[in-house]
C-alpha atoms as a PDB file:
ATOM      1  CA  MET A   1      15.505  39.468  57.927  1.00  0.00           C
ATOM      2  CA  SER A   2      13.954  36.852  55.829  1.00  0.00           C
ATOM      3  CA  VAL A   3      10.131  37.189  54.916  1.00  0.00           C
ATOM      4  CA  GLY A   4       7.821  35.226  52.544  1.00  0.00           C
ATOM      5  CA  LEU A   5       4.690  33.568  51.524  1.00  0.00           C
ATOM      6  CA  PHE A   6       4.729  29.643  52.504  1.00  0.00           C
ATOM      7  CA  ASP A   7       1.638  27.718  51.993  1.00  0.00           C
ATOM      8  CA  ASN A   8      -0.164  30.917  51.478  1.00  0.00           C
ATOM      9  CA  ARG A   9       0.815  32.222  55.017  1.00  0.00           C
ATOM     10  CA  GLU A  10       3.009  35.281  55.940  1.00  0.00           C
ATOM     11  CA  ILE A  11       6.157  33.780  57.698  1.00  0.00           C
ATOM     12  CA  LEU A  12       8.633  35.964  59.289  1.00  0.00           C
ATOM     13  CA  ASP A  13      12.400  34.587  59.317  1.00  0.00           C
ATOM     14  CA  LEU A  14      11.877  31.741  57.333  1.00  0.00           C
ATOM     15  CA  ASN A  15      13.860  28.489  58.200  1.00  0.00           C
ATOM     16  CA  TYR A  16      15.402  26.319  55.355  1.00  0.00           C
ATOM     17  CA  VAL A  17      12.471  24.623  54.112  1.00  0.00           C
ATOM     18  CA  GLU A  18      10.391  27.403  54.241  1.00  0.00           C
ATOM     19  CA  ASP A  19      12.787  29.295  52.576  1.00  0.00           C
ATOM     20  CA  LYS A  20      13.641  26.802  49.807  1.00  0.00           C
ATOM     21  CA  ASP A  21       9.814  26.116  49.122  1.00  0.00           C
ATOM     22  CA  ALA A  22       8.359  29.571  49.739  1.00  0.00           C
ATOM     23  CA  GLU A  23       5.981  30.818  47.103  1.00  0.00           C
ATOM     24  CA  VAL A  24       7.479  34.492  47.496  1.00  0.00           C
ATOM     25  CA  ASP A  25      10.240  35.448  49.689  1.00  0.00           C
ATOM     26  CA  PHE A  26      12.346  38.834  50.607  1.00  0.00           C
ATOM     27  CA  ASN A  27      15.520  39.806  52.212  1.00  0.00           C
ATOM     28  CA  VAL A  28      15.104  43.091  54.026  1.00  0.00           C
ATOM     29  CA  VAL A  29      17.990  45.049  55.685  1.00  0.00           C
ATOM     30  CA  MET A  30      17.690  48.245  57.973  1.00  0.00           C
ATOM     31  CA  THR A  31      19.652  50.390  59.743  1.00  0.00           C
ATOM     32  CA  GLY A  32      18.889  50.959  63.899  1.00  0.00           C
ATOM     33  CA  ARG A  33      17.308  53.755  62.906  1.00  0.00           C
ATOM     34  CA  GLY A  34      14.673  52.325  60.293  1.00  0.00           C
ATOM     35  CA  ASN A  35      15.976  53.261  57.067  1.00  0.00           C
ATOM     36  CA  PHE A  36      16.312  50.648  54.481  1.00  0.00           C
ATOM     37  CA  VAL A  37      19.595  49.326  53.473  1.00  0.00           C
ATOM     38  CA  GLU A  38      18.621  46.205  51.005  1.00  0.00           C
ATOM     39  CA  VAL A  39      14.968  44.920  49.918  1.00  0.00           C
ATOM     40  CA  GLN A  40      15.582  42.017  47.513  1.00  0.00           C
ATOM     41  CA  GLY A  41      12.440  39.902  46.723  1.00  0.00           C
ATOM     42  CA  THR A  42      11.506  37.198  44.342  1.00  0.00           C
ATOM     43  CA  GLY A  43       8.113  35.488  43.361  1.00  0.00           C
ATOM     44  CA  GLU A  44      10.093  31.821  43.412  1.00  0.00           C
ATOM     45  CA  GLU A  45       6.766  29.828  42.585  1.00  0.00           C
ATOM     46  CA  ALA A  46       4.065  32.645  42.638  1.00  0.00           C
ATOM     47  CA  THR A  47       3.663  36.198  41.612  1.00  0.00           C
ATOM     48  CA  PHE A  48       2.539  38.555  44.316  1.00  0.00           C
ATOM     49  CA  THR A  49       0.355  41.737  44.710  1.00  0.00           C
ATOM     50  CA  GLN A  50       1.267  45.274  45.760  1.00  0.00           C
ATOM     51  CA  ASP A  51      -0.725  44.450  48.924  1.00  0.00           C
ATOM     52  CA  GLN A  52       1.185  41.250  49.422  1.00  0.00           C
ATOM     53  CA  LEU A  53       4.346  43.229  48.781  1.00  0.00           C
ATOM     54  CA  THR A  54       3.309  46.035  51.393  1.00  0.00           C
ATOM     55  CA  SER A  55       2.487  43.511  54.083  1.00  0.00           C
ATOM     56  CA  LEU A  56       5.598  41.581  53.855  1.00  0.00           C
ATOM     57  CA  ILE A  57       7.817  44.448  53.935  1.00  0.00           C
ATOM     58  CA  ALA A  58       5.758  45.703  57.112  1.00  0.00           C
ATOM     59  CA  LEU A  59       6.251  42.215  58.760  1.00  0.00           C
ATOM     60  CA  ALA A  60      10.135  42.541  58.155  1.00  0.00           C
ATOM     61  CA  GLN A  61       9.986  46.139  59.538  1.00  0.00           C
ATOM     62  CA  ARG A  62       8.454  44.856  62.868  1.00  0.00           C
ATOM     63  CA  GLY A  63      10.479  41.761  62.762  1.00  0.00           C
ATOM     64  CA  LEU A  64      13.796  43.877  62.689  1.00  0.00           C
ATOM     65  CA  LYS A  65      12.460  46.458  65.132  1.00  0.00           C
ATOM     66  CA  GLU A  66      12.020  43.837  67.605  1.00  0.00           C
ATOM     67  CA  LEU A  67      15.279  42.431  66.944  1.00  0.00           C
ATOM     68  CA  SER A  68      17.001  45.485  67.088  1.00  0.00           C
ATOM     69  CA  ALA A  69      15.341  46.444  70.610  1.00  0.00           C
ATOM     70  CA  LYS A  70      16.547  42.922  71.896  1.00  0.00           C
ATOM     71  CA  GLN A  71      19.780  43.430  70.539  1.00  0.00           C
ATOM     72  CA  THR A  72      20.004  47.080  72.345  1.00  0.00           C
ATOM     73  CA  GLU A  73      18.903  45.798  75.528  1.00  0.00           C
ATOM     74  CA  PHE A  74      21.464  43.288  75.504  1.00  0.00           C
ATOM     75  CA  LEU A  75      24.385  45.218  74.577  1.00  0.00           C
ATOM     76  CA  ALA A  76      23.105  47.956  77.227  1.00  0.00           C
ATOM     77  CA  LYS A  77      23.138  45.519  79.970  1.00  0.00           C
ATOM     78  CA  ARG A  78      26.615  43.647  78.998  1.00  0.00           C
ATOM     79  CA  LEU A  79      28.223  47.296  78.593  1.00  0.00           C
ATOM     80  CA  LEU A  80      26.807  48.518  81.755  1.00  0.00           C
ATOM     81  CA  GLY A  81      27.785  45.311  83.524  1.00  0.00           C
ATOM     82  CA  ASN A  82      31.179  45.709  82.120  1.00  0.00           C
ATOM     83  CA  LEU A  83      31.767  49.470  82.872  1.00  0.00           C
ATOM     84  CA  ALA A  84      30.296  49.004  86.371  1.00  0.00           C
ATOM     85  CA  GLY A  85      32.890  46.152  86.773  1.00  0.00           C
ATOM     86  CA  LEU A  86      35.592  48.361  85.757  1.00  0.00           C
ATOM     87  CA  SER A  87      34.415  51.223  87.802  1.00  0.00           C
ATOM     88  CA  LEU A  88      34.414  49.159  90.970  1.00  0.00           C
ATOM     89  CA  GLY A  89      37.534  47.281  90.158  1.00  0.00           C
ATOM     90  CA  GLY A  90      39.301  50.831  89.515  1.00  0.00           C
ATOM     91  CA  LEU A  91      38.156  52.272  92.652  1.00  0.00           C
ATOM     92  CA  GLY A  92      38.505  49.216  95.383  1.00  0.00           C
ATOM     93  CA  GLY A  93      42.305  48.772  93.864  1.00  0.00           C
ATOM     94  CA  ARG A  94      43.479  52.108  94.755  1.00  0.00           C
END
């Protein structure tokens, strides 16, 4: 998940223009259990404070948690739908 400071605003999931022109940008990767895999950040056009670092990491965590929940919901519906179809198909054919 990308986060950054663009026009002095914290942005979640930077688009191309925001990413290339961001004062500060980070890429954060986490597991579904909330453990960090990667945190990579740089002050492209400016320095950043400890408070900004903490806030950007928290923003990334919120975004990743929301994304993970949506992925889980989608996969659960897809898998449960496929399993229901297999079960009914298997029972109906015998």
